[in-house]
Amino acid sequence: MSYGLTICAERNALAAAVAAGARDIVAVAIAADSPARPCGACRQVIWELAPGAVVIWEDEVGRPQTRLIRDLLPEAYAGPGGV
């Protein structure tokens, strides 16, 4: 499988929200049949579109986990002009 050519649910959800006019995204929740944290590409997109967001998922035993995106991706790429 080529993960670089896929688009995860998190990125799809964020793109749909922004396309629908959302501008102040405060949280991203991940739901899956098994533990699933956002991949690196999703972390970068969350940081770009919702830099203050809380990311929520369940760990291996079903306990909710929450982290700020800046803690999940502490040195995000800001681009030439910064974000």
C-alpha atoms as a PDB file:
ATOM      1  CA  MET A   1       0.000   0.000   0.000  1.00  0.00           C
ATOM      2  CA  SER A   2       1.192   3.501  -0.771  1.00  0.00           C
ATOM      3  CA  TYR A   3       0.156   5.642   2.183  1.00  0.00           C
ATOM      4  CA  GLY A   4       1.451   8.767   0.468  1.00  0.00           C
ATOM      5  CA  LEU A   5      -1.274   8.381  -2.154  1.00  0.00           C
ATOM      6  CA  THR A   6      -4.112   7.950   0.334  1.00  0.00           C
ATOM      7  CA  ILE A   7      -6.194  10.519   2.161  1.00  0.00           C
ATOM      8  CA  CYS A   8      -7.156   9.687   5.728  1.00  0.00           C
ATOM      9  CA  ALA A   9     -10.556  10.392   7.258  1.00  0.00           C
ATOM     10  CA  GLU A  10      -9.134  13.243   9.331  1.00  0.00           C
ATOM     11  CA  ARG A  11      -7.978  15.143   6.252  1.00  0.00           C
ATOM     12  CA  ASN A  12     -11.255  14.441   4.452  1.00  0.00           C
ATOM     13  CA  ALA A  13     -13.248  15.722   7.428  1.00  0.00           C
ATOM     14  CA  LEU A  14     -11.140  18.869   7.762  1.00  0.00           C
ATOM     15  CA  ALA A  15     -11.328  19.607   4.043  1.00  0.00           C
ATOM     16  CA  ALA A  16     -15.109  19.183   4.070  1.00  0.00           C
ATOM     17  CA  ALA A  17     -15.459  21.413   7.132  1.00  0.00           C
ATOM     18  CA  VAL A  18     -13.333  24.184   5.632  1.00  0.00           C
ATOM     19  CA  ALA A  19     -15.141  23.881   2.284  1.00  0.00           C
ATOM     20  CA  ALA A  20     -18.429  24.286   4.170  1.00  0.00           C
ATOM     21  CA  GLY A  21     -17.169  27.484   5.774  1.00  0.00           C
ATOM     22  CA  ALA A  22     -15.707  26.336   9.111  1.00  0.00           C
ATOM     23  CA  ARG A  23     -12.923  28.626  10.230  1.00  0.00           C
ATOM     24  CA  ASP A  24     -12.517  28.039  13.978  1.00  0.00           C
ATOM     25  CA  ILE A  25     -12.054  24.287  14.358  1.00  0.00           C
ATOM     26  CA  VAL A  26     -11.440  23.576  18.042  1.00  0.00           C
ATOM     27  CA  ALA A  27     -11.266  19.765  18.131  1.00  0.00           C
ATOM     28  CA  VAL A  28     -10.707  16.740  15.944  1.00  0.00           C
ATOM     29  CA  ALA A  29     -11.984  13.363  17.191  1.00  0.00           C
ATOM     30  CA  ILE A  30     -10.797  10.105  15.694  1.00  0.00           C
ATOM     31  CA  ALA A  31     -13.081   7.068  15.795  1.00  0.00           C
ATOM     32  CA  ALA A  32     -11.917   3.642  14.623  1.00  0.00           C
ATOM     33  CA  ASP A  33     -12.413  -0.047  15.319  1.00  0.00           C
ATOM     34  CA  SER A  34      -8.898  -0.149  16.759  1.00  0.00           C
ATOM     35  CA  PRO A  35      -6.628   2.472  18.355  1.00  0.00           C
ATOM     36  CA  ALA A  36      -5.796   5.130  15.788  1.00  0.00           C
ATOM     37  CA  ARG A  37      -3.838   8.327  16.263  1.00  0.00           C
ATOM     38  CA  PRO A  38      -3.474  10.777  13.394  1.00  0.00           C
ATOM     39  CA  CYS A  39      -0.609  10.029  11.013  1.00  0.00           C
ATOM     40  CA  GLY A  40       2.107  12.596  10.360  1.00  0.00           C
ATOM     41  CA  ALA A  41       0.409  14.003   7.262  1.00  0.00           C
ATOM     42  CA  CYS A  42      -2.863  14.408   9.167  1.00  0.00           C
ATOM     43  CA  ARG A  43      -1.068  16.067  12.078  1.00  0.00           C
ATOM     44  CA  GLN A  44       0.428  18.612   9.684  1.00  0.00           C
ATOM     45  CA  VAL A  45      -2.950  19.357   8.059  1.00  0.00           C
ATOM     46  CA  ILE A  46      -4.662  19.648  11.452  1.00  0.00           C
ATOM     47  CA  TRP A  47      -1.919  22.071  12.523  1.00  0.00           C
ATOM     48  CA  GLU A  48      -2.389  24.145   9.357  1.00  0.00           C
ATOM     49  CA  LEU A  49      -6.209  24.296   9.475  1.00  0.00           C
ATOM     50  CA  ALA A  50      -6.797  24.137  13.238  1.00  0.00           C
ATOM     51  CA  PRO A  51      -3.578  25.187  14.995  1.00  0.00           C
ATOM     52  CA  GLY A  52      -5.209  25.402  18.425  1.00  0.00           C
ATOM     53  CA  ALA A  53      -7.213  22.184  18.132  1.00  0.00           C
ATOM     54  CA  VAL A  54      -7.486  19.400  20.644  1.00  0.00           C
ATOM     55  CA  VAL A  55      -7.100  15.922  19.129  1.00  0.00           C
ATOM     56  CA  ILE A  56      -9.113  13.131  20.779  1.00  0.00           C
ATOM     57  CA  TRP A  57      -8.771   9.357  20.299  1.00  0.00           C
ATOM     58  CA  GLU A  58      -8.988   6.136  22.323  1.00  0.00           C
ATOM     59  CA  ASP A  59      -5.872   4.267  23.383  1.00  0.00           C
ATOM     60  CA  GLU A  60      -5.320   0.511  23.222  1.00  0.00           C
ATOM     61  CA  VAL A  61      -7.623  -0.184  26.206  1.00  0.00           C
ATOM     62  CA  GLY A  62     -10.366   2.251  25.256  1.00  0.00           C
ATOM     63  CA  ARG A  63      -9.382   5.216  27.434  1.00  0.00           C
ATOM     64  CA  PRO A  64      -9.922   8.614  25.829  1.00  0.00           C
ATOM     65  CA  GLN A  65      -6.721  10.501  25.091  1.00  0.00           C
ATOM     66  CA  THR A  66      -6.543  14.207  24.356  1.00  0.00           C
ATOM     67  CA  ARG A  67      -3.602  16.273  23.190  1.00  0.00           C
ATOM     68  CA  LEU A  68      -3.210  19.684  21.653  1.00  0.00           C
ATOM     69  CA  ILE A  69      -2.072  19.448  18.063  1.00  0.00           C
ATOM     70  CA  ARG A  70       0.978  21.544  18.904  1.00  0.00           C
ATOM     71  CA  ASP A  71       2.002  18.806  21.376  1.00  0.00           C
ATOM     72  CA  LEU A  72       1.492  16.046  18.787  1.00  0.00           C
ATOM     73  CA  LEU A  73       3.475  17.998  16.195  1.00  0.00           C
ATOM     74  CA  PRO A  74       5.787  20.332  18.137  1.00  0.00           C
ATOM     75  CA  GLU A  75       7.882  21.442  15.160  1.00  0.00           C
ATOM     76  CA  ALA A  76       5.284  21.663  12.411  1.00  0.00           C
ATOM     77  CA  TYR A  77       6.324  22.972   9.010  1.00  0.00           C
ATOM     78  CA  ALA A  78       5.218  26.590   8.820  1.00  0.00           C
ATOM     79  CA  GLY A  79       6.083  27.257   5.179  1.00  0.00           C
ATOM     80  CA  PRO A  80       7.992  30.214   3.787  1.00  0.00           C
ATOM     81  CA  GLY A  81       5.678  32.819   5.306  1.00  0.00           C
ATOM     82  CA  GLY A  82       5.074  31.000   8.581  1.00  0.00           C
ATOM     83  CA  VAL A  83       1.655  30.336  10.058  1.00  0.00           C
END
